[in-house]
Structure formats: structure tokens, C-alpha cells
């Protein structure tokens, strides 16, 4: 994993924690509707964050490692 991919993972972790804190804070103001509010807000936002990070990590793969995998079939990704 190269430096850009590691940065994406760190930013993704921070974003997921921030999203969790905001959703819990806003959800506790809803009273009895905390669970429904949390599921309606955190799941879509968290899913979007995870998918975005996954796409960036795949996009920023090291081209050398891809060429090595083509030359050496024993290396699997």
C-alpha cells in the first residue's frame, strides 16, 4: 500500500468517526426516534464514505505492482 492509499485510509477513518459523532449528536435530540434517525442518516453517509475510499484506493494502486502481477501469476490481488 503506497502513501496515497494510506492517507485515504486515515482520512476515511476520521470521516467515519466524525459522521458517527454528528449522527449520534443529532439523533439524541430526536428523543425516541434516535434509532430510526441514526439508521436513516449514518448508513447512507457511511456507505458513501466507504465506497469513495474503496474507489480511491483502487484508483491509486501502484502501477508497478500491477505489472508484476501480470508477469508473475503466483501473485494474486
C-alpha atoms as a PDB file:
ATOM      1  CA  UNK A   1       0.000   0.000   0.000  1.00  0.00           C
ATOM      2  CA  UNK A   2       1.538   3.293  -1.067  1.00  0.00           C
ATOM      3  CA  UNK A   3       1.466   6.625   0.768  1.00  0.00           C
ATOM      4  CA  UNK A   4      -1.615   7.996  -1.021  1.00  0.00           C
ATOM      5  CA  UNK A   5      -3.605   4.867  -0.226  1.00  0.00           C
ATOM      6  CA  UNK A   6      -2.603   5.051   3.425  1.00  0.00           C
ATOM      7  CA  UNK A   7      -3.690   8.694   3.524  1.00  0.00           C
ATOM      8  CA  UNK A   8      -7.088   7.683   2.115  1.00  0.00           C
ATOM      9  CA  UNK A   9      -7.485   5.077   4.865  1.00  0.00           C
ATOM     10  CA  UNK A  10      -6.595   7.596   7.589  1.00  0.00           C
ATOM     11  CA  UNK A  11      -8.976  10.220   6.192  1.00  0.00           C
ATOM     12  CA  UNK A  12     -11.717   7.607   5.810  1.00  0.00           C
ATOM     13  CA  UNK A  13     -11.332   6.577   9.462  1.00  0.00           C
ATOM     14  CA  UNK A  14     -11.512  10.181  10.631  1.00  0.00           C
ATOM     15  CA  UNK A  15     -14.559  10.863   8.448  1.00  0.00           C
ATOM     16  CA  UNK A  16     -16.391   7.782   9.704  1.00  0.00           C
ATOM     17  CA  UNK A  17     -15.771   8.785  13.328  1.00  0.00           C
ATOM     18  CA  UNK A  18     -16.894  12.365  12.660  1.00  0.00           C
ATOM     19  CA  UNK A  19     -20.015  11.147  10.855  1.00  0.00           C
ATOM     20  CA  UNK A  20     -20.786   8.824  13.751  1.00  0.00           C
ATOM     21  CA  UNK A  21     -20.428  11.629  16.299  1.00  0.00           C
ATOM     22  CA  UNK A  22     -22.616  14.033  14.310  1.00  0.00           C
ATOM     23  CA  UNK A  23     -25.325  11.439  13.688  1.00  0.00           C
ATOM     24  CA  UNK A  24     -25.395  10.429  17.344  1.00  0.00           C
ATOM     25  CA  UNK A  25     -25.500  14.059  18.484  1.00  0.00           C
ATOM     26  CA  UNK A  26     -28.320  14.964  16.118  1.00  0.00           C
ATOM     27  CA  UNK A  27     -30.111  11.695  16.847  1.00  0.00           C
ATOM     28  CA  UNK A  28     -30.145  12.210  20.599  1.00  0.00           C
ATOM     29  CA  UNK A  29     -32.088  15.418  20.021  1.00  0.00           C
ATOM     30  CA  UNK A  30     -34.807  13.367  18.326  1.00  0.00           C
ATOM     31  CA  UNK A  31     -35.658  11.583  21.566  1.00  0.00           C
ATOM     32  CA  UNK A  32     -37.466   8.290  20.876  1.00  0.00           C
ATOM     33  CA  UNK A  33     -36.636   8.448  17.172  1.00  0.00           C
ATOM     34  CA  UNK A  34     -32.891   8.009  17.754  1.00  0.00           C
ATOM     35  CA  UNK A  35     -32.639   4.583  16.157  1.00  0.00           C
ATOM     36  CA  UNK A  36     -34.625   5.455  13.044  1.00  0.00           C
ATOM     37  CA  UNK A  37     -32.824   8.779  12.610  1.00  0.00           C
ATOM     38  CA  UNK A  38     -29.426   7.133  13.092  1.00  0.00           C
ATOM     39  CA  UNK A  39     -30.141   4.395  10.558  1.00  0.00           C
ATOM     40  CA  UNK A  40     -31.524   6.856   8.016  1.00  0.00           C
ATOM     41  CA  UNK A  41     -28.529   9.176   8.269  1.00  0.00           C
ATOM     42  CA  UNK A  42     -25.434   7.204   9.236  1.00  0.00           C
ATOM     43  CA  UNK A  43     -25.850   4.180   6.987  1.00  0.00           C
ATOM     44  CA  UNK A  44     -26.086   6.146   3.712  1.00  0.00           C
ATOM     45  CA  UNK A  45     -23.314   8.573   4.687  1.00  0.00           C
ATOM     46  CA  UNK A  46     -21.057   5.781   5.965  1.00  0.00           C
ATOM     47  CA  UNK A  47     -21.696   3.693   2.870  1.00  0.00           C
ATOM     48  CA  UNK A  48     -20.859   6.643   0.623  1.00  0.00           C
ATOM     49  CA  UNK A  49     -17.638   7.243   2.560  1.00  0.00           C
ATOM     50  CA  UNK A  50     -16.598   3.593   2.343  1.00  0.00           C
ATOM     51  CA  UNK A  51     -17.360   3.334  -1.379  1.00  0.00           C
ATOM     52  CA  UNK A  52     -15.489   6.568  -2.116  1.00  0.00           C
ATOM     53  CA  UNK A  53     -12.458   5.378  -0.174  1.00  0.00           C
ATOM     54  CA  UNK A  54     -12.574   1.987  -1.879  1.00  0.00           C
ATOM     55  CA  UNK A  55     -12.652   3.639  -5.325  1.00  0.00           C
ATOM     56  CA  UNK A  56      -9.741   5.947  -4.488  1.00  0.00           C
ATOM     57  CA  UNK A  57      -7.651   3.106  -3.094  1.00  0.00           C
ATOM     58  CA  UNK A  58      -8.227   1.056  -6.230  1.00  0.00           C
ATOM     59  CA  UNK A  59      -7.548   4.047  -8.484  1.00  0.00           C
ATOM     60  CA  UNK A  60      -4.282   4.908  -6.739  1.00  0.00           C
ATOM     61  CA  UNK A  61      -2.781   1.440  -6.953  1.00  0.00           C
ATOM     62  CA  UNK A  62       0.891   1.239  -7.666  1.00  0.00           C
ATOM     63  CA  UNK A  63       1.285   0.536 -11.405  1.00  0.00           C
ATOM     64  CA  UNK A  64       4.484  -1.440 -10.765  1.00  0.00           C
ATOM     65  CA  UNK A  65       2.661  -3.958  -8.601  1.00  0.00           C
ATOM     66  CA  UNK A  66       0.017  -4.429 -11.307  1.00  0.00           C
ATOM     67  CA  UNK A  67       2.694  -5.185 -13.909  1.00  0.00           C
ATOM     68  CA  UNK A  68       4.411  -7.602 -11.547  1.00  0.00           C
ATOM     69  CA  UNK A  69       1.144  -9.449 -11.018  1.00  0.00           C
ATOM     70  CA  UNK A  70       0.716  -9.823 -14.797  1.00  0.00           C
ATOM     71  CA  UNK A  71       4.218 -11.226 -15.199  1.00  0.00           C
ATOM     72  CA  UNK A  72       4.038 -13.464 -12.148  1.00  0.00           C
ATOM     73  CA  UNK A  73       0.689 -15.308 -11.920  1.00  0.00           C
ATOM     74  CA  UNK A  74       1.567 -16.557  -8.429  1.00  0.00           C
ATOM     75  CA  UNK A  75       0.969 -13.032  -7.086  1.00  0.00           C
ATOM     76  CA  UNK A  76      -2.731 -12.561  -6.541  1.00  0.00           C
ATOM     77  CA  UNK A  77      -4.544  -9.389  -5.597  1.00  0.00           C
END
